[in-house]
């Protein structure tokens, strides 16, 4: 296998593993949300999920995250809060 072919294979494995990890986080957040709804405590629970910036997925021909391009500056952030708290937040804004 040439050096270029080896690098391509390594990159494909990295992307596959990384995307599996992201899908796992997404799946498990869904499980948490379903449990909270089933237990009827979803309207009494604040959910906050934050993560690091992740990796380039081939943008700019990179697969790292240490370079200052927009893709590497964005951070996943999910927040869900009860209706009662929504009313308080609206009053504060």
PDB file of N, CA and C in Angstrom:
ATOM      1  N   UNK A   1       0.859  -1.177   0.000  1.00  0.00           N
ATOM      2  CA  UNK A   1       0.000   0.000   0.000  1.00  0.00           C
ATOM      3  C   UNK A   1       0.902   1.236   0.000  1.00  0.00           C
ATOM      4  N   UNK A   2       0.578   2.173  -0.848  1.00  0.00           N
ATOM      5  CA  UNK A   2       1.383   3.393  -0.906  1.00  0.00           C
ATOM      6  C   UNK A   2       1.118   4.255   0.329  1.00  0.00           C
ATOM      7  N   UNK A   3       1.989   5.211   0.581  1.00  0.00           N
ATOM      8  CA  UNK A   3       1.820   6.112   1.731  1.00  0.00           C
ATOM      9  C   UNK A   3       0.505   6.884   1.609  1.00  0.00           C
ATOM     10  N   UNK A   4       0.154   7.311   0.404  1.00  0.00           N
ATOM     11  CA  UNK A   4      -1.089   8.051   0.186  1.00  0.00           C
ATOM     12  C   UNK A   4      -2.301   7.158   0.472  1.00  0.00           C
ATOM     13  N   UNK A   5      -2.276   5.935  -0.007  1.00  0.00           N
ATOM     14  CA  UNK A   5      -3.384   5.000   0.250  1.00  0.00           C
ATOM     15  C   UNK A   5      -3.506   4.703   1.746  1.00  0.00           C
ATOM     16  N   UNK A   6      -2.381   4.546   2.417  1.00  0.00           N
ATOM     17  CA  UNK A   6      -2.402   4.294   3.862  1.00  0.00           C
ATOM     18  C   UNK A   6      -3.009   5.478   4.600  1.00  0.00           C
ATOM     19  N   UNK A   7      -2.624   6.690   4.201  1.00  0.00           N
ATOM     20  CA  UNK A   7      -3.161   7.896   4.846  1.00  0.00           C
ATOM     21  C   UNK A   7      -4.665   8.010   4.621  1.00  0.00           C
ATOM     22  N   UNK A   8      -5.117   7.685   3.407  1.00  0.00           N
ATOM     23  CA  UNK A   8      -6.556   7.722   3.110  1.00  0.00           C
ATOM     24  C   UNK A   8      -7.313   6.707   3.971  1.00  0.00           C
ATOM     25  N   UNK A   9      -6.737   5.517   4.119  1.00  0.00           N
ATOM     26  CA  UNK A   9      -7.383   4.488   4.924  1.00  0.00           C
ATOM     27  C   UNK A   9      -7.466   4.916   6.389  1.00  0.00           C
ATOM     28  N   UNK A  10      -6.395   5.482   6.902  1.00  0.00           N
ATOM     29  CA  UNK A  10      -6.383   5.971   8.289  1.00  0.00           C
ATOM     30  C   UNK A  10      -7.424   7.069   8.474  1.00  0.00           C
ATOM     31  N   UNK A  11      -7.506   7.984   7.510  1.00  0.00           N
ATOM     32  CA  UNK A  11      -8.478   9.075   7.582  1.00  0.00           C
ATOM     33  C   UNK A  11      -9.908   8.527   7.598  1.00  0.00           C
ATOM     34  N   UNK A  12     -10.195   7.559   6.732  1.00  0.00           N
ATOM     35  CA  UNK A  12     -11.535   6.986   6.681  1.00  0.00           C
ATOM     36  C   UNK A  12     -11.907   6.310   8.001  1.00  0.00           C
ATOM     37  N   UNK A  13     -10.943   5.621   8.614  1.00  0.00           N
ATOM     38  CA  UNK A  13     -11.200   4.988   9.910  1.00  0.00           C
ATOM     39  C   UNK A  13     -11.458   6.041  10.984  1.00  0.00           C
ATOM     40  N   UNK A  14     -10.661   7.103  10.998  1.00  0.00           N
ATOM     41  CA  UNK A  14     -10.858   8.187  11.963  1.00  0.00           C
ATOM     42  C   UNK A  14     -12.249   8.793  11.821  1.00  0.00           C
ATOM     43  N   UNK A  15     -12.661   9.083  10.595  1.00  0.00           N
ATOM     44  CA  UNK A  15     -13.974   9.687  10.366  1.00  0.00           C
ATOM     45  C   UNK A  15     -15.094   8.732  10.776  1.00  0.00           C
ATOM     46  N   UNK A  16     -14.957   7.455  10.429  1.00  0.00           N
ATOM     47  CA  UNK A  16     -15.981   6.474  10.786  1.00  0.00           C
ATOM     48  C   UNK A  16     -16.098   6.367  12.304  1.00  0.00           C
ATOM     49  N   UNK A  17     -14.975   6.273  13.003  1.00  0.00           N
ATOM     50  CA  UNK A  17     -14.990   6.172  14.466  1.00  0.00           C
ATOM     51  C   UNK A  17     -15.551   7.440  15.100  1.00  0.00           C
ATOM     52  N   UNK A  18     -15.146   8.592  14.587  1.00  0.00           N
ATOM     53  CA  UNK A  18     -15.613   9.873  15.130  1.00  0.00           C
ATOM     54  C   UNK A  18     -17.124  10.011  14.950  1.00  0.00           C
ATOM     55  N   UNK A  19     -17.612   9.709  13.761  1.00  0.00           N
ATOM     56  CA  UNK A  19     -19.049   9.846  13.496  1.00  0.00           C
ATOM     57  C   UNK A  19     -19.864   8.828  14.284  1.00  0.00           C
ATOM     58  N   UNK A  20     -19.302   7.647  14.545  1.00  0.00           N
ATOM     59  CA  UNK A  20     -19.972   6.680  15.421  1.00  0.00           C
ATOM     60  C   UNK A  20     -20.101   7.248  16.833  1.00  0.00           C
ATOM     61  N   UNK A  21     -19.057   7.903  17.286  1.00  0.00           N
ATOM     62  CA  UNK A  21     -19.077   8.510  18.624  1.00  0.00           C
ATOM     63  C   UNK A  21     -20.150   9.601  18.700  1.00  0.00           C
ATOM     64  N   UNK A  22     -20.196  10.462  17.705  1.00  0.00           N
ATOM     65  CA  UNK A  22     -21.204  11.531  17.670  1.00  0.00           C
ATOM     66  C   UNK A  22     -22.612  10.938  17.617  1.00  0.00           C
ATOM     67  N   UNK A  23     -22.806   9.903  16.807  1.00  0.00           N
ATOM     68  CA  UNK A  23     -24.112   9.248  16.722  1.00  0.00           C
ATOM     69  C   UNK A  23     -24.487   8.621  18.067  1.00  0.00           C
ATOM     70  N   UNK A  24     -23.494   8.081  18.773  1.00  0.00           N
ATOM     71  CA  UNK A  24     -23.747   7.507  20.095  1.00  0.00           C
ATOM     72  C   UNK A  24     -24.217   8.545  21.093  1.00  0.00           C
ATOM     73  N   UNK A  25     -23.601   9.716  21.061  1.00  0.00           N
ATOM     74  CA  UNK A  25     -24.031  10.809  21.950  1.00  0.00           C
ATOM     75  C   UNK A  25     -25.466  11.199  21.608  1.00  0.00           C
ATOM     76  N   UNK A  26     -25.754  11.337  20.331  1.00  0.00           N
ATOM     77  CA  UNK A  26     -27.098  11.704  19.881  1.00  0.00           C
ATOM     78  C   UNK A  26     -28.125  10.652  20.299  1.00  0.00           C
ATOM     79  N   UNK A  27     -27.799   9.383  20.084  1.00  0.00           N
ATOM     80  CA  UNK A  27     -28.715   8.297  20.472  1.00  0.00           C
ATOM     81  C   UNK A  27     -28.993   8.319  21.973  1.00  0.00           C
ATOM     82  N   UNK A  28     -27.952   8.510  22.767  1.00  0.00           N
ATOM     83  CA  UNK A  28     -28.125   8.480  24.215  1.00  0.00           C
ATOM     84  C   UNK A  28     -28.855   9.709  24.741  1.00  0.00           C
ATOM     85  N   UNK A  29     -28.680  10.851  24.111  1.00  0.00           N
ATOM     86  CA  UNK A  29     -29.471  12.021  24.485  1.00  0.00           C
ATOM     87  C   UNK A  29     -30.945  11.738  24.206  1.00  0.00           C
ATOM     88  N   UNK A  30     -31.226  11.080  23.082  1.00  0.00           N
ATOM     89  CA  UNK A  30     -32.605  10.681  22.776  1.00  0.00           C
ATOM     90  C   UNK A  30     -33.172   9.741  23.827  1.00  0.00           C
ATOM     91  N   UNK A  31     -32.362   8.786  24.292  1.00  0.00           N
ATOM     92  CA  UNK A  31     -32.809   7.859  25.340  1.00  0.00           C
ATOM     93  C   UNK A  31     -33.127   8.610  26.628  1.00  0.00           C
ATOM     94  N   UNK A  32     -32.296   9.562  26.977  1.00  0.00           N
ATOM     95  CA  UNK A  32     -32.535  10.360  28.185  1.00  0.00           C
ATOM     96  C   UNK A  32     -33.841  11.141  28.043  1.00  0.00           C
ATOM     97  N   UNK A  33     -34.036  11.762  26.892  1.00  0.00           N
ATOM     98  CA  UNK A  33     -35.257  12.545  26.664  1.00  0.00           C
ATOM     99  C   UNK A  33     -36.502  11.649  26.736  1.00  0.00           C
ATOM    100  N   UNK A  34     -36.432  10.457  26.136  1.00  0.00           N
ATOM    101  CA  UNK A  34     -37.574   9.529  26.180  1.00  0.00           C
ATOM    102  C   UNK A  34     -37.851   9.070  27.604  1.00  0.00           C
ATOM    103  N   UNK A  35     -36.797   8.776  28.370  1.00  0.00           N
ATOM    104  CA  UNK A  35     -36.985   8.355  29.757  1.00  0.00           C
ATOM    105  C   UNK A  35     -37.666   9.466  30.560  1.00  0.00           C
ATOM    106  N   UNK A  36     -37.179  10.687  30.406  1.00  0.00           N
ATOM    107  CA  UNK A  36     -37.762  11.799  31.162  1.00  0.00           C
ATOM    108  C   UNK A  36     -39.240  11.978  30.834  1.00  0.00           C
ATOM    109  N   UNK A  37     -39.586  11.803  29.550  1.00  0.00           N
ATOM    110  CA  UNK A  37     -40.991  11.926  29.154  1.00  0.00           C
ATOM    111  C   UNK A  37     -41.817  10.772  29.712  1.00  0.00           C
ATOM    112  N   UNK A  38     -41.292   9.550  29.634  1.00  0.00           N
ATOM    113  CA  UNK A  38     -41.992   8.371  30.160  1.00  0.00           C
ATOM    114  C   UNK A  38     -42.202   8.503  31.673  1.00  0.00           C
ATOM    115  N   UNK A  39     -41.200   9.010  32.367  1.00  0.00           N
ATOM    116  CA  UNK A  39     -41.290   9.176  33.826  1.00  0.00           C
ATOM    117  C   UNK A  39     -42.081  10.435  34.197  1.00  0.00           C
ATOM    118  N   UNK A  40     -42.541  11.168  33.184  1.00  0.00           N
ATOM    119  CA  UNK A  40     -43.318  12.405  33.380  1.00  0.00           C
ATOM    120  C   UNK A  40     -42.573  13.446  34.219  1.00  0.00           C
ATOM    121  N   UNK A  41     -41.277  13.505  34.006  1.00  0.00           N
ATOM    122  CA  UNK A  41     -40.470  14.538  34.679  1.00  0.00           C
ATOM    123  C   UNK A  41     -39.760  15.436  33.668  1.00  0.00           C
ATOM    124  N   UNK A  42     -40.158  15.302  32.395  1.00  0.00           N
ATOM    125  CA  UNK A  42     -39.516  16.114  31.363  1.00  0.00           C
ATOM    126  C   UNK A  42     -39.824  17.601  31.521  1.00  0.00           C
ATOM    127  N   UNK A  43     -40.966  17.938  32.076  1.00  0.00           N
ATOM    128  CA  UNK A  43     -41.312  19.350  32.266  1.00  0.00           C
ATOM    129  C   UNK A  43     -40.771  19.908  33.587  1.00  0.00           C
ATOM    130  N   UNK A  44     -40.016  19.111  34.317  1.00  0.00           N
ATOM    131  CA  UNK A  44     -39.376  19.575  35.554  1.00  0.00           C
ATOM    132  C   UNK A  44     -37.866  19.441  35.485  1.00  0.00           C
ATOM    133  N   UNK A  45     -37.330  19.244  34.293  1.00  0.00           N
ATOM    134  CA  UNK A  45     -35.911  18.946  34.152  1.00  0.00           C
ATOM    135  C   UNK A  45     -35.256  19.901  33.167  1.00  0.00           C
ATOM    136  N   UNK A  46     -34.145  20.461  33.569  1.00  0.00           N
ATOM    137  CA  UNK A  46     -33.330  21.279  32.672  1.00  0.00           C
ATOM    138  C   UNK A  46     -32.259  20.358  32.099  1.00  0.00           C
ATOM    139  N   UNK A  47     -32.121  20.371  30.779  1.00  0.00           N
ATOM    140  CA  UNK A  47     -31.110  19.551  30.109  1.00  0.00           C
ATOM    141  C   UNK A  47     -30.137  20.480  29.408  1.00  0.00           C
ATOM    142  N   UNK A  48     -28.866  20.287  29.685  1.00  0.00           N
ATOM    143  CA  UNK A  48     -27.806  21.065  29.031  1.00  0.00           C
ATOM    144  C   UNK A  48     -26.749  20.086  28.540  1.00  0.00           C
ATOM    145  N   UNK A  49     -26.429  20.173  27.270  1.00  0.00           N
ATOM    146  CA  UNK A  49     -25.379  19.347  26.683  1.00  0.00           C
ATOM    147  C   UNK A  49     -24.414  20.273  25.961  1.00  0.00           C
ATOM    148  N   UNK A  50     -23.166  20.183  26.302  1.00  0.00           N
ATOM    149  CA  UNK A  50     -22.132  20.956  25.619  1.00  0.00           C
ATOM    150  C   UNK A  50     -20.985  20.020  25.281  1.00  0.00           C
ATOM    151  N   UNK A  51     -20.213  20.385  24.293  1.00  0.00           N
ATOM    152  CA  UNK A  51     -19.118  19.538  23.856  1.00  0.00           C
ATOM    153  C   UNK A  51     -17.957  20.412  23.414  1.00  0.00           C
ATOM    154  N   UNK A  52     -16.848  19.777  23.122  1.00  0.00           N
ATOM    155  CA  UNK A  52     -15.749  20.539  22.546  1.00  0.00           C
ATOM    156  C   UNK A  52     -16.028  20.720  21.055  1.00  0.00           C
ATOM    157  N   UNK A  53     -15.097  21.288  20.349  1.00  0.00           N
ATOM    158  CA  UNK A  53     -15.336  21.658  18.960  1.00  0.00           C
ATOM    159  C   UNK A  53     -15.369  20.488  18.000  1.00  0.00           C
ATOM    160  N   UNK A  54     -14.927  19.338  18.396  1.00  0.00           N
ATOM    161  CA  UNK A  54     -14.893  18.221  17.461  1.00  0.00           C
ATOM    162  C   UNK A  54     -13.749  18.370  16.475  1.00  0.00           C
ATOM    163  N   UNK A  55     -13.857  17.698  15.356  1.00  0.00           N
ATOM    164  CA  UNK A  55     -12.785  17.683  14.366  1.00  0.00           C
ATOM    165  C   UNK A  55     -13.273  18.205  13.032  1.00  0.00           C
ATOM    166  N   UNK A  56     -12.330  18.647  12.212  1.00  0.00           N
ATOM    167  CA  UNK A  56     -12.660  18.906  10.821  1.00  0.00           C
ATOM    168  C   UNK A  56     -13.052  17.572  10.210  1.00  0.00           C
ATOM    169  N   UNK A  57     -14.018  17.586   9.342  1.00  0.00           N
ATOM    170  CA  UNK A  57     -14.436  16.366   8.655  1.00  0.00           C
ATOM    171  C   UNK A  57     -14.017  16.440   7.194  1.00  0.00           C
ATOM    172  N   UNK A  58     -12.795  16.919   6.983  1.00  0.00           N
ATOM    173  CA  UNK A  58     -12.264  17.050   5.632  1.00  0.00           C
ATOM    174  C   UNK A  58     -12.298  18.477   5.114  1.00  0.00           C
ATOM    175  N   UNK A  59     -12.960  19.372   5.832  1.00  0.00           N
ATOM    176  CA  UNK A  59     -12.978  20.768   5.402  1.00  0.00           C
ATOM    177  C   UNK A  59     -11.548  21.285   5.341  1.00  0.00           C
ATOM    178  N   UNK A  60     -11.251  22.053   4.308  1.00  0.00           N
ATOM    179  CA  UNK A  60      -9.923  22.644   4.112  1.00  0.00           C
ATOM    180  C   UNK A  60      -8.834  21.564   4.029  1.00  0.00           C
ATOM    181  N   UNK A  61      -9.246  20.337   3.747  1.00  0.00           N
ATOM    182  CA  UNK A  61      -8.336  19.180   3.687  1.00  0.00           C
ATOM    183  C   UNK A  61      -7.659  18.906   5.020  1.00  0.00           C
ATOM    184  N   UNK A  62      -8.341  19.207   6.130  1.00  0.00           N
ATOM    185  CA  UNK A  62      -7.801  18.955   7.460  1.00  0.00           C
ATOM    186  C   UNK A  62      -8.639  17.914   8.184  1.00  0.00           C
ATOM    187  N   UNK A  63      -8.036  17.278   9.190  1.00  0.00           N
ATOM    188  CA  UNK A  63      -8.779  16.352  10.043  1.00  0.00           C
ATOM    189  C   UNK A  63      -8.424  16.584  11.504  1.00  0.00           C
ATOM    190  N   UNK A  64      -8.050  17.780  11.838  1.00  0.00           N
ATOM    191  CA  UNK A  64      -7.693  18.152  13.197  1.00  0.00           C
ATOM    192  C   UNK A  64      -8.639  19.267  13.613  1.00  0.00           C
ATOM    193  N   UNK A  65      -8.375  19.929  14.721  1.00  0.00           N
ATOM    194  CA  UNK A  65      -9.247  21.026  15.143  1.00  0.00           C
ATOM    195  C   UNK A  65      -8.471  22.211  15.684  1.00  0.00           C
ATOM    196  N   UNK A  66      -7.173  22.209  15.518  1.00  0.00           N
ATOM    197  CA  UNK A  66      -6.367  23.256  16.134  1.00  0.00           C
ATOM    198  C   UNK A  66      -6.177  24.492  15.275  1.00  0.00           C
ATOM    199  N   UNK A  67      -6.739  24.513  14.093  1.00  0.00           N
ATOM    200  CA  UNK A  67      -6.586  25.666  13.221  1.00  0.00           C
ATOM    201  C   UNK A  67      -7.834  26.536  13.303  1.00  0.00           C
ATOM    202  N   UNK A  68      -7.655  27.825  13.181  1.00  0.00           N
ATOM    203  CA  UNK A  68      -8.757  28.743  13.426  1.00  0.00           C
ATOM    204  C   UNK A  68      -9.575  29.007  12.156  1.00  0.00           C
ATOM    205  N   UNK A  69     -10.382  28.030  11.824  1.00  0.00           N
ATOM    206  CA  UNK A  69     -11.397  28.176  10.794  1.00  0.00           C
ATOM    207  C   UNK A  69     -12.743  28.061  11.493  1.00  0.00           C
ATOM    208  N   UNK A  70     -13.776  28.584  10.840  1.00  0.00           N
ATOM    209  CA  UNK A  70     -15.094  28.614  11.477  1.00  0.00           C
ATOM    210  C   UNK A  70     -15.550  27.235  11.959  1.00  0.00           C
ATOM    211  N   UNK A  71     -15.296  26.201  11.171  1.00  0.00           N
ATOM    212  CA  UNK A  71     -15.746  24.856  11.541  1.00  0.00           C
ATOM    213  C   UNK A  71     -15.155  24.393  12.875  1.00  0.00           C
ATOM    214  N   UNK A  72     -13.945  24.833  13.167  1.00  0.00           N
ATOM    215  CA  UNK A  72     -13.310  24.388  14.413  1.00  0.00           C
ATOM    216  C   UNK A  72     -13.613  25.318  15.585  1.00  0.00           C
ATOM    217  N   UNK A  73     -14.308  26.404  15.341  1.00  0.00           N
ATOM    218  CA  UNK A  73     -14.667  27.330  16.418  1.00  0.00           C
ATOM    219  C   UNK A  73     -16.063  27.084  16.962  1.00  0.00           C
ATOM    220  N   UNK A  74     -16.885  26.413  16.194  1.00  0.00           N
ATOM    221  CA  UNK A  74     -18.262  26.139  16.631  1.00  0.00           C
ATOM    222  C   UNK A  74     -18.277  25.034  17.671  1.00  0.00           C
ATOM    223  N   UNK A  75     -19.167  25.183  18.659  1.00  0.00           N
ATOM    224  CA  UNK A  75     -19.274  24.167  19.699  1.00  0.00           C
ATOM    225  C   UNK A  75     -20.724  23.732  19.826  1.00  0.00           C
ATOM    226  N   UNK A  76     -20.959  22.415  19.851  1.00  0.00           N
ATOM    227  CA  UNK A  76     -22.324  21.921  20.050  1.00  0.00           C
ATOM    228  C   UNK A  76     -22.854  22.349  21.424  1.00  0.00           C
ATOM    229  N   UNK A  77     -24.080  22.818  21.433  1.00  0.00           N
ATOM    230  CA  UNK A  77     -24.702  23.251  22.681  1.00  0.00           C
ATOM    231  C   UNK A  77     -26.200  23.030  22.553  1.00  0.00           C
ATOM    232  N   UNK A  78     -26.761  22.220  23.439  1.00  0.00           N
ATOM    233  CA  UNK A  78     -28.197  21.939  23.451  1.00  0.00           C
ATOM    234  C   UNK A  78     -28.712  22.289  24.831  1.00  0.00           C
ATOM    235  N   UNK A  79     -29.822  23.013  24.864  1.00  0.00           N
ATOM    236  CA  UNK A  79     -30.447  23.309  26.152  1.00  0.00           C
ATOM    237  C   UNK A  79     -31.957  23.159  25.993  1.00  0.00           C
ATOM    238  N   UNK A  80     -32.567  22.546  26.977  1.00  0.00           N
ATOM    239  CA  UNK A  80     -34.023  22.410  27.019  1.00  0.00           C
ATOM    240  C   UNK A  80     -34.444  22.668  28.456  1.00  0.00           C
ATOM    241  N   UNK A  81     -35.474  23.462  28.599  1.00  0.00           N
ATOM    242  CA  UNK A  81     -35.917  23.781  29.954  1.00  0.00           C
ATOM    243  C   UNK A  81     -37.445  23.808  30.013  1.00  0.00           C
ATOM    244  N   UNK A  82     -38.006  23.628  31.203  1.00  0.00           N
ATOM    245  CA  UNK A  82     -39.466  23.537  31.377  1.00  0.00           C
ATOM    246  C   UNK A  82     -40.197  24.815  30.981  1.00  0.00           C
ATOM    247  N   UNK A  83     -41.493  24.656  30.694  1.00  0.00           N
ATOM    248  CA  UNK A  83     -42.329  25.795  30.310  1.00  0.00           C
ATOM    249  C   UNK A  83     -42.314  26.907  31.350  1.00  0.00           C
ATOM    250  N   UNK A  84     -42.407  26.534  32.614  1.00  0.00           N
ATOM    251  CA  UNK A  84     -42.427  27.554  33.665  1.00  0.00           C
ATOM    252  C   UNK A  84     -41.166  28.399  33.617  1.00  0.00           C
ATOM    253  N   UNK A  85     -40.056  27.770  33.374  1.00  0.00           N
ATOM    254  CA  UNK A  85     -38.797  28.507  33.277  1.00  0.00           C
ATOM    255  C   UNK A  85     -38.776  29.361  32.011  1.00  0.00           C
ATOM    256  N   UNK A  86     -39.401  28.878  30.932  1.00  0.00           N
ATOM    257  CA  UNK A  86     -39.478  29.670  29.695  1.00  0.00           C
ATOM    258  C   UNK A  86     -40.168  30.998  29.950  1.00  0.00           C
ATOM    259  N   UNK A  87     -41.207  30.985  30.758  1.00  0.00           N
ATOM    260  CA  UNK A  87     -41.926  32.221  31.048  1.00  0.00           C
ATOM    261  C   UNK A  87     -41.023  33.193  31.823  1.00  0.00           C
ATOM    262  N   UNK A  88     -40.228  32.663  32.735  1.00  0.00           N
ATOM    263  CA  UNK A  88     -39.294  33.498  33.498  1.00  0.00           C
ATOM    264  C   UNK A  88     -38.229  34.079  32.587  1.00  0.00           C
ATOM    265  N   UNK A  89     -37.715  33.247  31.673  1.00  0.00           N
ATOM    266  CA  UNK A  89     -36.680  33.695  30.747  1.00  0.00           C
ATOM    267  C   UNK A  89     -37.249  34.802  29.850  1.00  0.00           C
ATOM    268  N   UNK A  90     -38.470  34.650  29.363  1.00  0.00           N
ATOM    269  CA  UNK A  90     -39.082  35.685  28.523  1.00  0.00           C
ATOM    270  C   UNK A  90     -39.182  37.002  29.286  1.00  0.00           C
ATOM    271  N   UNK A  91     -39.529  36.955  30.547  1.00  0.00           N
ATOM    272  CA  UNK A  91     -39.629  38.176  31.348  1.00  0.00           C
ATOM    273  C   UNK A  91     -38.270  38.843  31.541  1.00  0.00           C
ATOM    274  N   UNK A  92     -37.227  38.031  31.604  1.00  0.00           N
ATOM    275  CA  UNK A  92     -35.885  38.567  31.818  1.00  0.00           C
ATOM    276  C   UNK A  92     -35.328  39.220  30.567  1.00  0.00           C
ATOM    277  N   UNK A  93     -35.788  38.754  29.394  1.00  0.00           N
ATOM    278  CA  UNK A  93     -35.257  39.283  28.135  1.00  0.00           C
ATOM    279  C   UNK A  93     -35.978  40.521  27.771  1.00  0.00           C
TER     280      UNK A  93
END
